[in-house]
Amino acid sequence: MEPITFEGFVTKLRKTLKDSHRNIADNLVAGGVDNMEKYKYLLGQAHAYQYLDQEISNLLNPKEQKKDEQTNDNVVRFDGQPKD
């Protein structure tokens, strides 16, 4: 058996999270919930799977600049001096 790469691990983890989320959604839509306690439990699981997948996505594809990387490109100076 070949060792798994980091990319392979992340891909497999995200697929597992999405499959688990889809299974819960299918169960809820199909009427597989017979009481409110079970509904809330499954809804909490679905939110957790969705949250984890989003956090992994954010770590892999950061969209915001970090504080130390921010620039002042959008600052308007009224004193006539050029931007730093």
PDB file of N, CA and C in Angstrom:
ATOM      1  N   MET A   1       0.842  -1.184   0.000  1.00  0.00           N
ATOM      2  CA  MET A   1       0.000   0.000   0.000  1.00  0.00           C
ATOM      3  C   MET A   1       0.884   1.244   0.000  1.00  0.00           C
ATOM      4  N   GLU A   2       0.580   2.166  -0.886  1.00  0.00           N
ATOM      5  CA  GLU A   2       1.339   3.402  -1.007  1.00  0.00           C
ATOM      6  C   GLU A   2       0.993   4.372   0.113  1.00  0.00           C
ATOM      7  N   PRO A   3       1.977   5.125   0.608  1.00  0.00           N
ATOM      8  CA  PRO A   3       1.651   6.156   1.600  1.00  0.00           C
ATOM      9  C   PRO A   3       0.813   7.255   0.942  1.00  0.00           C
ATOM     10  N   ILE A   4      -0.071   7.812   1.702  1.00  0.00           N
ATOM     11  CA  ILE A   4      -0.956   8.854   1.176  1.00  0.00           C
ATOM     12  C   ILE A   4      -0.265  10.207   1.276  1.00  0.00           C
ATOM     13  N   THR A   5      -0.443  11.028   0.262  1.00  0.00           N
ATOM     14  CA  THR A   5       0.125  12.370   0.271  1.00  0.00           C
ATOM     15  C   THR A   5      -0.799  13.304   1.047  1.00  0.00           C
ATOM     16  N   PHE A   6      -0.288  14.477   1.359  1.00  0.00           N
ATOM     17  CA  PHE A   6      -1.111  15.465   2.057  1.00  0.00           C
ATOM     18  C   PHE A   6      -2.319  15.851   1.216  1.00  0.00           C
ATOM     19  N   GLU A   7      -2.084  16.080  -0.081  1.00  0.00           N
ATOM     20  CA  GLU A   7      -3.182  16.455  -0.971  1.00  0.00           C
ATOM     21  C   GLU A   7      -4.228  15.351  -1.046  1.00  0.00           C
ATOM     22  N   GLY A   8      -3.754  14.106  -1.102  1.00  0.00           N
ATOM     23  CA  GLY A   8      -4.674  12.972  -1.137  1.00  0.00           C
ATOM     24  C   GLY A   8      -5.487  12.860   0.146  1.00  0.00           C
ATOM     25  N   PHE A   9      -4.824  13.118   1.281  1.00  0.00           N
ATOM     26  CA  PHE A   9      -5.503  13.070   2.563  1.00  0.00           C
ATOM     27  C   PHE A   9      -6.598  14.128   2.647  1.00  0.00           C
ATOM     28  N   VAL A  10      -6.243  15.352   2.251  1.00  0.00           N
ATOM     29  CA  VAL A  10      -7.211  16.451   2.324  1.00  0.00           C
ATOM     30  C   VAL A  10      -8.383  16.190   1.390  1.00  0.00           C
ATOM     31  N   THR A  11      -8.092  15.712   0.194  1.00  0.00           N
ATOM     32  CA  THR A  11      -9.159  15.401  -0.767  1.00  0.00           C
ATOM     33  C   THR A  11     -10.092  14.335  -0.219  1.00  0.00           C
ATOM     34  N   LYS A  12      -9.513  13.289   0.352  1.00  0.00           N
ATOM     35  CA  LYS A  12     -10.330  12.208   0.902  1.00  0.00           C
ATOM     36  C   LYS A  12     -11.150  12.690   2.109  1.00  0.00           C
ATOM     37  N   LEU A  13     -10.551  13.503   2.959  1.00  0.00           N
ATOM     38  CA  LEU A  13     -11.256  14.037   4.124  1.00  0.00           C
ATOM     39  C   LEU A  13     -12.436  14.898   3.698  1.00  0.00           C
ATOM     40  N   ARG A  14     -12.208  15.797   2.730  1.00  0.00           N
ATOM     41  CA  ARG A  14     -13.296  16.666   2.260  1.00  0.00           C
ATOM     42  C   ARG A  14     -14.410  15.859   1.605  1.00  0.00           C
ATOM     43  N   LYS A  15     -14.052  14.807   0.867  1.00  0.00           N
ATOM     44  CA  LYS A  15     -15.065  13.949   0.244  1.00  0.00           C
ATOM     45  C   LYS A  15     -15.887  13.238   1.316  1.00  0.00           C
ATOM     46  N   THR A  16     -15.216  12.756   2.358  1.00  0.00           N
ATOM     47  CA  THR A  16     -15.916  12.084   3.454  1.00  0.00           C
ATOM     48  C   THR A  16     -16.861  13.049   4.163  1.00  0.00           C
ATOM     49  N   LEU A  17     -16.409  14.278   4.411  1.00  0.00           N
ATOM     50  CA  LEU A  17     -17.270  15.277   5.050  1.00  0.00           C
ATOM     51  C   LEU A  17     -18.488  15.588   4.193  1.00  0.00           C
ATOM     52  N   LYS A  18     -18.274  15.769   2.892  1.00  0.00           N
ATOM     53  CA  LYS A  18     -19.390  16.077   1.989  1.00  0.00           C
ATOM     54  C   LYS A  18     -20.357  14.897   1.877  1.00  0.00           C
ATOM     55  N   ASP A  19     -19.836  13.672   1.824  1.00  0.00           N
ATOM     56  CA  ASP A  19     -20.702  12.490   1.763  1.00  0.00           C
ATOM     57  C   ASP A  19     -21.536  12.352   3.036  1.00  0.00           C
ATOM     58  N   SER A  20     -20.906  12.586   4.172  1.00  0.00           N
ATOM     59  CA  SER A  20     -21.634  12.509   5.448  1.00  0.00           C
ATOM     60  C   SER A  20     -22.722  13.568   5.508  1.00  0.00           C
ATOM     61  N   HIS A  21     -22.410  14.769   5.056  1.00  0.00           N
ATOM     62  CA  HIS A  21     -23.396  15.847   5.032  1.00  0.00           C
ATOM     63  C   HIS A  21     -24.554  15.482   4.108  1.00  0.00           C
ATOM     64  N   ARG A  22     -24.236  14.935   2.943  1.00  0.00           N
ATOM     65  CA  ARG A  22     -25.269  14.542   1.975  1.00  0.00           C
ATOM     66  C   ARG A  22     -26.161  13.423   2.535  1.00  0.00           C
ATOM     67  N   ASN A  23     -25.555  12.473   3.251  1.00  0.00           N
ATOM     68  CA  ASN A  23     -26.340  11.391   3.853  1.00  0.00           C
ATOM     69  C   ASN A  23     -27.329  11.924   4.882  1.00  0.00           C
ATOM     70  N   ILE A  24     -26.891  12.886   5.675  1.00  0.00           N
ATOM     71  CA  ILE A  24     -27.792  13.483   6.669  1.00  0.00           C
ATOM     72  C   ILE A  24     -28.919  14.224   5.966  1.00  0.00           C
ATOM     73  N   ALA A  25     -28.567  15.002   4.935  1.00  0.00           N
ATOM     74  CA  ALA A  25     -29.600  15.740   4.199  1.00  0.00           C
ATOM     75  C   ALA A  25     -30.605  14.783   3.572  1.00  0.00           C
ATOM     76  N   ASP A  26     -30.127  13.698   2.983  1.00  0.00           N
ATOM     77  CA  ASP A  26     -31.030  12.706   2.395  1.00  0.00           C
ATOM     78  C   ASP A  26     -31.945  12.096   3.445  1.00  0.00           C
ATOM     79  N   ASN A  27     -31.382  11.818   4.606  1.00  0.00           N
ATOM     80  CA  ASN A  27     -32.162  11.238   5.699  1.00  0.00           C
ATOM     81  C   ASN A  27     -33.254  12.206   6.167  1.00  0.00           C
ATOM     82  N   LEU A  28     -32.901  13.479   6.281  1.00  0.00           N
ATOM     83  CA  LEU A  28     -33.891  14.471   6.715  1.00  0.00           C
ATOM     84  C   LEU A  28     -34.995  14.650   5.674  1.00  0.00           C
ATOM     85  N   VAL A  29     -34.613  14.704   4.404  1.00  0.00           N
ATOM     86  CA  VAL A  29     -35.586  14.916   3.334  1.00  0.00           C
ATOM     87  C   VAL A  29     -36.506  13.699   3.183  1.00  0.00           C
ATOM     88  N   ALA A  30     -35.960  12.522   3.388  1.00  0.00           N
ATOM     89  CA  ALA A  30     -36.740  11.298   3.214  1.00  0.00           C
ATOM     90  C   ALA A  30     -37.671  11.020   4.392  1.00  0.00           C
ATOM     91  N   GLY A  31     -37.602  11.855   5.418  1.00  0.00           N
ATOM     92  CA  GLY A  31     -38.489  11.665   6.562  1.00  0.00           C
ATOM     93  C   GLY A  31     -37.985  10.614   7.537  1.00  0.00           C
ATOM     94  N   GLY A  32     -36.684  10.425   7.593  1.00  0.00           N
ATOM     95  CA  GLY A  32     -36.103   9.422   8.479  1.00  0.00           C
ATOM     96  C   GLY A  32     -35.963   9.876   9.918  1.00  0.00           C
ATOM     97  N   VAL A  33     -36.539  10.998  10.255  1.00  0.00           N
ATOM     98  CA  VAL A  33     -36.450  11.522  11.615  1.00  0.00           C
ATOM     99  C   VAL A  33     -37.823  11.411  12.264  1.00  0.00           C
ATOM    100  N   ASP A  34     -37.853  10.776  13.417  1.00  0.00           N
ATOM    101  CA  ASP A  34     -39.149  10.552  14.060  1.00  0.00           C
ATOM    102  C   ASP A  34     -39.383  11.413  15.298  1.00  0.00           C
ATOM    103  N   ASN A  35     -38.376  12.169  15.724  1.00  0.00           N
ATOM    104  CA  ASN A  35     -38.603  13.074  16.858  1.00  0.00           C
ATOM    105  C   ASN A  35     -37.679  14.286  16.760  1.00  0.00           C
ATOM    106  N   MET A  36     -37.989  15.305  17.527  1.00  0.00           N
ATOM    107  CA  MET A  36     -37.260  16.575  17.459  1.00  0.00           C
ATOM    108  C   MET A  36     -35.827  16.433  17.962  1.00  0.00           C
ATOM    109  N   GLU A  37     -35.606  15.589  18.943  1.00  0.00           N
ATOM    110  CA  GLU A  37     -34.262  15.389  19.478  1.00  0.00           C
ATOM    111  C   GLU A  37     -33.332  14.834  18.401  1.00  0.00           C
ATOM    112  N   LYS A  38     -33.796  13.856  17.655  1.00  0.00           N
ATOM    113  CA  LYS A  38     -33.007  13.271  16.578  1.00  0.00           C
ATOM    114  C   LYS A  38     -32.782  14.306  15.464  1.00  0.00           C
ATOM    115  N   TYR A  39     -33.809  15.098  15.164  1.00  0.00           N
ATOM    116  CA  TYR A  39     -33.696  16.143  14.149  1.00  0.00           C
ATOM    117  C   TYR A  39     -32.611  17.142  14.529  1.00  0.00           C
ATOM    118  N   LYS A  40     -32.628  17.612  15.775  1.00  0.00           N
ATOM    119  CA  LYS A  40     -31.635  18.577  16.231  1.00  0.00           C
ATOM    120  C   LYS A  40     -30.234  17.987  16.218  1.00  0.00           C
ATOM    121  N   TYR A  41     -30.119  16.722  16.587  1.00  0.00           N
ATOM    122  CA  TYR A  41     -28.829  16.041  16.584  1.00  0.00           C
ATOM    123  C   TYR A  41     -28.268  15.980  15.160  1.00  0.00           C
ATOM    124  N   LEU A  42     -29.087  15.549  14.213  1.00  0.00           N
ATOM    125  CA  LEU A  42     -28.646  15.441  12.824  1.00  0.00           C
ATOM    126  C   LEU A  42     -28.332  16.820  12.233  1.00  0.00           C
ATOM    127  N   LEU A  43     -29.120  17.807  12.574  1.00  0.00           N
ATOM    128  CA  LEU A  43     -28.868  19.163  12.104  1.00  0.00           C
ATOM    129  C   LEU A  43     -27.529  19.680  12.639  1.00  0.00           C
ATOM    130  N   GLY A  44     -27.235  19.394  13.891  1.00  0.00           N
ATOM    131  CA  GLY A  44     -25.948  19.779  14.477  1.00  0.00           C
ATOM    132  C   GLY A  44     -24.786  19.093  13.784  1.00  0.00           C
ATOM    133  N   GLN A  45     -24.953  17.815  13.476  1.00  0.00           N
ATOM    134  CA  GLN A  45     -23.906  17.096  12.746  1.00  0.00           C
ATOM    135  C   GLN A  45     -23.696  17.705  11.365  1.00  0.00           C
ATOM    136  N   ALA A  46     -24.779  18.004  10.679  1.00  0.00           N
ATOM    137  CA  ALA A  46     -24.683  18.585   9.338  1.00  0.00           C
ATOM    138  C   ALA A  46     -23.951  19.922   9.392  1.00  0.00           C
ATOM    139  N   HIS A  47     -24.257  20.727  10.384  1.00  0.00           N
ATOM    140  CA  HIS A  47     -23.575  22.023  10.528  1.00  0.00           C
ATOM    141  C   HIS A  47     -22.092  21.819  10.818  1.00  0.00           C
ATOM    142  N   ALA A  48     -21.761  20.830  11.631  1.00  0.00           N
ATOM    143  CA  ALA A  48     -20.357  20.559  11.955  1.00  0.00           C
ATOM    144  C   ALA A  48     -19.590  20.124  10.713  1.00  0.00           C
ATOM    145  N   TYR A  49     -20.172  19.245   9.908  1.00  0.00           N
ATOM    146  CA  TYR A  49     -19.511  18.799   8.677  1.00  0.00           C
ATOM    147  C   TYR A  49     -19.302  19.973   7.731  1.00  0.00           C
ATOM    148  N   GLN A  50     -20.297  20.808   7.607  1.00  0.00           N
ATOM    149  CA  GLN A  50     -20.218  21.971   6.723  1.00  0.00           C
ATOM    150  C   GLN A  50     -19.155  22.954   7.227  1.00  0.00           C
ATOM    151  N   TYR A  51     -19.116  23.171   8.524  1.00  0.00           N
ATOM    152  CA  TYR A  51     -18.152  24.081   9.123  1.00  0.00           C
ATOM    153  C   TYR A  51     -16.720  23.578   8.901  1.00  0.00           C
ATOM    154  N   LEU A  52     -16.495  22.289   9.146  1.00  0.00           N
ATOM    155  CA  LEU A  52     -15.164  21.722   8.972  1.00  0.00           C
ATOM    156  C   LEU A  52     -14.700  21.830   7.522  1.00  0.00           C
ATOM    157  N   ASP A  53     -15.582  21.532   6.594  1.00  0.00           N
ATOM    158  CA  ASP A  53     -15.225  21.627   5.184  1.00  0.00           C
ATOM    159  C   ASP A  53     -14.886  23.068   4.809  1.00  0.00           C
ATOM    160  N   GLN A  54     -15.643  24.015   5.320  1.00  0.00           N
ATOM    161  CA  GLN A  54     -15.374  25.428   5.027  1.00  0.00           C
ATOM    162  C   GLN A  54     -14.046  25.871   5.620  1.00  0.00           C
ATOM    163  N   GLU A  55     -13.733  25.434   6.821  1.00  0.00           N
ATOM    164  CA  GLU A  55     -12.463  25.805   7.454  1.00  0.00           C
ATOM    165  C   GLU A  55     -11.283  25.216   6.691  1.00  0.00           C
ATOM    166  N   ILE A  56     -11.401  23.981   6.232  1.00  0.00           N
ATOM    167  CA  ILE A  56     -10.339  23.375   5.421  1.00  0.00           C
ATOM    168  C   ILE A  56     -10.166  24.179   4.137  1.00  0.00           C
ATOM    169  N   SER A  57     -11.263  24.540   3.514  1.00  0.00           N
ATOM    170  CA  SER A  57     -11.214  25.333   2.288  1.00  0.00           C
ATOM    171  C   SER A  57     -10.536  26.681   2.543  1.00  0.00           C
ATOM    172  N   ASN A  58     -10.855  27.322   3.642  1.00  0.00           N
ATOM    173  CA  ASN A  58     -10.250  28.618   3.973  1.00  0.00           C
ATOM    174  C   ASN A  58      -8.749  28.486   4.225  1.00  0.00           C
ATOM    175  N   LEU A  59      -8.331  27.393   4.843  1.00  0.00           N
ATOM    176  CA  LEU A  59      -6.908  27.189   5.095  1.00  0.00           C
ATOM    177  C   LEU A  59      -6.143  26.933   3.798  1.00  0.00           C
ATOM    178  N   LEU A  60      -6.781  26.236   2.867  1.00  0.00           N
ATOM    179  CA  LEU A  60      -6.122  25.928   1.602  1.00  0.00           C
ATOM    180  C   LEU A  60      -6.116  27.108   0.645  1.00  0.00           C
ATOM    181  N   ASN A  61      -7.137  27.945   0.715  1.00  0.00           N
ATOM    182  CA  ASN A  61      -7.276  29.084  -0.193  1.00  0.00           C
ATOM    183  C   ASN A  61      -7.576  30.350   0.585  1.00  0.00           C
ATOM    184  N   PRO A  62      -6.578  30.925   1.258  1.00  0.00           N
ATOM    185  CA  PRO A  62      -6.847  32.149   2.027  1.00  0.00           C
ATOM    186  C   PRO A  62      -7.276  33.271   1.094  1.00  0.00           C
ATOM    187  N   LYS A  63      -8.331  33.960   1.455  1.00  0.00           N
ATOM    188  CA  LYS A  63      -8.893  34.999   0.604  1.00  0.00           C
ATOM    189  C   LYS A  63      -8.591  36.402   1.124  1.00  0.00           C
ATOM    190  N   GLU A  64      -8.298  36.539   2.397  1.00  0.00           N
ATOM    191  CA  GLU A  64      -8.054  37.853   2.981  1.00  0.00           C
ATOM    192  C   GLU A  64      -6.573  38.035   3.245  1.00  0.00           C
ATOM    193  N   GLN A  65      -6.125  39.284   3.180  1.00  0.00           N
ATOM    194  CA  GLN A  65      -4.744  39.576   3.513  1.00  0.00           C
ATOM    195  C   GLN A  65      -4.582  39.520   5.022  1.00  0.00           C
ATOM    196  N   LYS A  66      -3.423  39.055   5.450  1.00  0.00           N
ATOM    197  CA  LYS A  66      -3.124  39.064   6.872  1.00  0.00           C
ATOM    198  C   LYS A  66      -2.807  40.486   7.297  1.00  0.00           C
ATOM    199  N   LYS A  67      -2.922  40.772   8.585  1.00  0.00           N
ATOM    200  CA  LYS A  67      -2.721  42.131   9.077  1.00  0.00           C
ATOM    201  C   LYS A  67      -1.351  42.684   8.699  1.00  0.00           C
ATOM    202  N   ASP A  68      -0.305  41.856   8.772  1.00  0.00           N
ATOM    203  CA  ASP A  68       1.027  42.351   8.459  1.00  0.00           C
ATOM    204  C   ASP A  68       1.258  42.509   6.957  1.00  0.00           C
ATOM    205  N   GLU A  69       0.354  41.996   6.117  1.00  0.00           N
ATOM    206  CA  GLU A  69       0.477  42.110   4.674  1.00  0.00           C
ATOM    207  C   GLU A  69      -0.429  43.190   4.092  1.00  0.00           C
ATOM    208  N   GLN A  70      -1.214  43.852   4.925  1.00  0.00           N
ATOM    209  CA  GLN A  70      -2.154  44.851   4.432  1.00  0.00           C
ATOM    210  C   GLN A  70      -1.401  46.071   3.918  1.00  0.00           C
ATOM    211  N   THR A  71      -1.943  46.659   2.883  1.00  0.00           N
ATOM    212  CA  THR A  71      -1.349  47.864   2.327  1.00  0.00           C
ATOM    213  C   THR A  71      -2.320  49.016   2.504  1.00  0.00           C
ATOM    214  N   ASN A  72      -1.829  50.206   2.240  1.00  0.00           N
ATOM    215  CA  ASN A  72      -2.665  51.392   2.356  1.00  0.00           C
ATOM    216  C   ASN A  72      -3.082  51.885   0.978  1.00  0.00           C
ATOM    217  N   ASP A  73      -3.323  50.986   0.061  1.00  0.00           N
ATOM    218  CA  ASP A  73      -3.686  51.361  -1.305  1.00  0.00           C
ATOM    219  C   ASP A  73      -5.010  52.093  -1.379  1.00  0.00           C
ATOM    220  N   ASN A  74      -5.869  51.888  -0.435  1.00  0.00           N
ATOM    221  CA  ASN A  74      -7.184  52.512  -0.494  1.00  0.00           C
ATOM    222  C   ASN A  74      -7.283  53.750   0.402  1.00  0.00           C
ATOM    223  N   VAL A  75      -6.143  54.275   0.859  1.00  0.00           N
ATOM    224  CA  VAL A  75      -6.140  55.447   1.719  1.00  0.00           C
ATOM    225  C   VAL A  75      -6.009  56.697   0.848  1.00  0.00           C
ATOM    226  N   VAL A  76      -6.877  57.657   1.085  1.00  0.00           N
ATOM    227  CA  VAL A  76      -6.822  58.921   0.370  1.00  0.00           C
ATOM    228  C   VAL A  76      -6.209  59.951   1.303  1.00  0.00           C
ATOM    229  N   ARG A  77      -5.158  60.615   0.819  1.00  0.00           N
ATOM    230  CA  ARG A  77      -4.504  61.629   1.620  1.00  0.00           C
ATOM    231  C   ARG A  77      -4.915  63.000   1.109  1.00  0.00           C
ATOM    232  N   PHE A  78      -5.272  63.895   2.029  1.00  0.00           N
ATOM    233  CA  PHE A  78      -5.714  65.233   1.660  1.00  0.00           C
ATOM    234  C   PHE A  78      -4.631  66.279   1.887  1.00  0.00           C
ATOM    235  N   ASP A  79      -3.455  65.869   2.382  1.00  0.00           N
ATOM    236  CA  ASP A  79      -2.395  66.839   2.654  1.00  0.00           C
ATOM    237  C   ASP A  79      -1.436  67.004   1.487  1.00  0.00           C
ATOM    238  N   GLY A  80      -1.708  66.352   0.358  1.00  0.00           N
ATOM    239  CA  GLY A  80      -0.883  66.504  -0.829  1.00  0.00           C
ATOM    240  C   GLY A  80       0.371  65.650  -0.841  1.00  0.00           C
ATOM    241  N   GLN A  81       0.622  64.940   0.236  1.00  0.00           N
ATOM    242  CA  GLN A  81       1.794  64.074   0.309  1.00  0.00           C
ATOM    243  C   GLN A  81       1.502  62.725  -0.363  1.00  0.00           C
ATOM    244  N   PRO A  82       2.497  62.160  -1.034  1.00  0.00           N
ATOM    245  CA  PRO A  82       2.280  60.833  -1.656  1.00  0.00           C
ATOM    246  C   PRO A  82       2.115  59.763  -0.587  1.00  0.00           C
ATOM    247  N   LYS A  83       1.474  58.686  -0.986  1.00  0.00           N
ATOM    248  CA  LYS A  83       1.318  57.556  -0.060  1.00  0.00           C
ATOM    249  C   LYS A  83       2.657  56.948   0.257  1.00  0.00           C
ATOM    250  N   ASP A  84       2.785  56.395   1.450  1.00  0.00           N
ATOM    251  CA  ASP A  84       4.041  55.742   1.861  1.00  0.00           C
ATOM    252  C   ASP A  84       4.211  54.441   1.153  1.00  0.00           C
TER     253      ASP A  84
END
